[in-house]
Amino acid sequence: MIDLLSALSYGAAYCVVGTLVLIASWKVLDVLTPGKLGEHLHTSHSAALVSATWMVAQGLIIFTAIWTNAESAFGVALAWTLAFSLVGVLLQALAWRLVDAVTPGTLGEEVTVPGPVVPLAGVSAGVIVAVALVVVASIA
């Protein structure tokens, strides 16, 4: 019974850390886009695509960090999970800035325009996935 309670408490701790990292990640994406990102989701298919891709990418990074460190002592595993997850957020933001630097216009403004998906949103989504896969590979 004690093993079950320990496993449940560890699982809850990982869920809390993962959720907090996802919230922080959303806040970073919100800062990278003009206005309130949540408001753009009602009218911009591009913002929805980029947001969904960003969150799934972060989820993959968090999942991999938890999965590969689960055999370590709980405190160490949780610390590695947090560290890799935050590195993922940082690298996603850096990749966003790099795409912004090499494309015309402002990336945040381009992907939040109302209407159908703009081509740059597809490019952004691809870069987001690519960066996440690099982070996942470095963890595994």
Protein backbone atom coordinates (compact mmCIF):
# COMPACT_ATOMS: atom_id res chain seq x y z
CA MET A 1 0.00 0.00 0.00
CA ILE A 2 2.85 2.36 0.81
CA ASP A 3 4.36 1.71 -2.64
CA LEU A 4 1.06 2.66 -4.24
CA LEU A 5 0.85 5.89 -2.24
CA SER A 6 4.45 6.73 -3.10
CA ALA A 7 3.84 6.08 -6.79
CA LEU A 8 0.70 8.21 -6.73
CA SER A 9 2.47 11.08 -4.98
CA TYR A 10 5.36 10.90 -7.45
CA GLY A 11 2.90 10.90 -10.33
CA ALA A 12 1.11 13.90 -8.86
CA ALA A 13 4.41 15.76 -8.48
CA TYR A 14 5.33 15.07 -12.12
CA CYS A 15 1.87 16.27 -13.19
CA VAL A 16 2.27 19.49 -11.21
CA VAL A 17 5.74 20.16 -12.65
CA GLY A 18 4.60 19.30 -16.18
CA THR A 19 1.54 21.52 -15.90
CA LEU A 20 3.57 24.43 -14.54
CA VAL A 21 6.06 24.10 -17.39
CA LEU A 22 3.20 24.02 -19.92
CA ILE A 23 1.74 27.18 -18.36
CA ALA A 24 5.15 28.87 -18.47
CA SER A 25 5.56 27.75 -22.07
CA TRP A 26 2.18 29.24 -23.00
CA LYS A 27 3.17 32.51 -21.32
CA VAL A 28 6.39 32.60 -23.37
CA LEU A 29 4.46 32.08 -26.60
CA ASP A 30 2.01 34.78 -25.50
CA VAL A 31 4.93 37.20 -25.04
CA LEU A 32 6.27 36.32 -28.50
CA THR A 33 2.97 37.25 -30.15
CA PRO A 34 1.26 40.66 -30.15
CA GLY A 35 -1.74 41.19 -27.87
CA LYS A 36 -3.31 38.32 -25.96
CA LEU A 37 -2.70 35.02 -27.71
CA GLY A 38 -5.91 33.54 -26.34
CA GLU A 39 -7.95 36.25 -28.07
CA HIS A 40 -6.28 35.52 -31.43
CA LEU A 41 -7.40 31.90 -31.21
CA HIS A 42 -11.01 32.92 -31.88
CA THR A 43 -10.24 34.35 -35.31
CA SER A 44 -6.80 33.18 -36.45
CA HIS A 45 -6.35 29.63 -37.71
CA SER A 46 -2.61 30.33 -37.90
CA ALA A 47 -2.46 31.23 -34.21
CA ALA A 48 -4.36 28.04 -33.40
CA LEU A 49 -1.96 25.92 -35.47
CA VAL A 50 1.14 27.49 -33.95
CA SER A 51 -0.27 27.32 -30.40
CA ALA A 52 -1.32 23.69 -30.71
CA THR A 53 2.02 22.72 -32.23
CA TRP A 54 3.90 24.62 -29.52
CA MET A 55 1.98 22.88 -26.72
CA VAL A 56 2.27 19.39 -28.23
CA ALA A 57 6.01 19.95 -28.75
CA GLN A 58 6.43 20.99 -25.12
CA GLY A 59 4.36 18.00 -24.03
CA LEU A 60 6.67 15.67 -25.97
CA ILE A 61 9.71 17.19 -24.29
CA ILE A 62 8.16 16.90 -20.82
CA PHE A 63 7.02 13.32 -21.51
CA THR A 64 10.48 12.27 -22.67
CA ALA A 65 12.15 13.93 -19.70
CA ILE A 66 9.86 12.08 -17.29
CA TRP A 67 10.06 8.77 -19.15
CA THR A 68 13.86 8.66 -19.40
CA ASN A 69 14.54 9.79 -15.83
CA ALA A 70 11.90 7.75 -14.01
CA GLU A 71 14.43 5.14 -12.85
CA SER A 72 16.50 7.75 -11.00
CA ALA A 73 15.83 8.74 -7.43
CA PHE A 74 12.64 10.80 -7.31
CA GLY A 75 14.22 14.17 -6.46
CA VAL A 76 16.93 13.79 -9.09
CA ALA A 77 14.43 12.63 -11.71
CA LEU A 78 12.11 15.54 -10.98
CA ALA A 79 15.01 18.00 -11.19
CA TRP A 80 16.12 16.57 -14.56
CA THR A 81 12.55 16.70 -15.81
CA LEU A 82 12.24 20.35 -14.83
CA ALA A 83 15.66 21.22 -16.27
CA PHE A 84 15.10 19.58 -19.66
CA SER A 85 11.57 20.96 -19.87
CA LEU A 86 12.73 24.51 -19.25
CA VAL A 87 15.57 24.08 -21.75
CA GLY A 88 12.89 23.02 -24.25
CA VAL A 89 10.91 26.21 -23.60
CA LEU A 90 14.05 28.32 -23.96
CA LEU A 91 15.08 26.62 -27.21
CA GLN A 92 11.58 26.98 -28.65
CA ALA A 93 11.66 30.72 -27.90
CA LEU A 94 15.14 31.01 -29.43
CA ALA A 95 14.00 29.15 -32.56
CA TRP A 96 11.00 31.49 -32.79
CA ARG A 97 13.33 34.51 -32.71
CA LEU A 98 15.59 32.97 -35.35
CA VAL A 99 12.67 32.28 -37.70
CA ASP A 100 11.47 35.83 -37.03
CA ALA A 101 14.91 37.18 -37.96
CA VAL A 102 15.11 35.41 -41.32
CA THR A 103 11.54 35.89 -42.52
CA PRO A 104 9.87 39.07 -43.77
CA GLY A 105 7.62 40.96 -41.40
CA THR A 106 7.13 40.12 -37.77
CA LEU A 107 6.46 36.45 -37.11
CA GLY A 108 4.09 37.13 -34.22
CA GLU A 109 2.00 39.50 -36.31
CA GLU A 110 2.02 37.17 -39.33
CA VAL A 111 0.73 34.15 -37.42
CA THR A 112 -1.98 36.04 -35.56
CA VAL A 113 -3.78 37.59 -38.53
CA PRO A 114 -7.45 36.59 -38.64
CA GLY A 115 -8.50 34.05 -41.22
CA PRO A 116 -7.11 30.88 -42.73
CA VAL A 117 -3.64 29.52 -42.03
CA VAL A 118 -0.85 31.60 -43.56
CA PRO A 119 2.21 29.81 -45.01
CA LEU A 120 4.54 31.21 -42.35
CA ALA A 121 2.46 29.48 -39.67
CA GLY A 122 3.24 26.16 -41.33
CA VAL A 123 6.94 27.01 -41.36
CA SER A 124 6.76 27.99 -37.70
CA ALA A 125 4.97 24.76 -36.80
CA GLY A 126 7.65 22.77 -38.61
CA VAL A 127 10.45 24.55 -36.76
CA ILE A 128 8.66 24.04 -33.44
CA VAL A 129 8.41 20.29 -34.07
CA ALA A 130 12.01 20.07 -35.29
CA VAL A 131 13.36 21.81 -32.18
CA ALA A 132 11.25 19.58 -29.94
CA LEU A 133 12.59 16.47 -31.67
CA VAL A 134 16.17 17.67 -31.19
CA VAL A 135 15.53 18.23 -27.48
CA VAL A 136 13.79 14.84 -27.19
CA ALA A 137 16.73 13.13 -28.90
CA SER A 138 19.19 14.85 -26.58
CA ILE A 139 17.24 13.62 -23.56
CA ALA A 140 16.83 10.05 -24.76
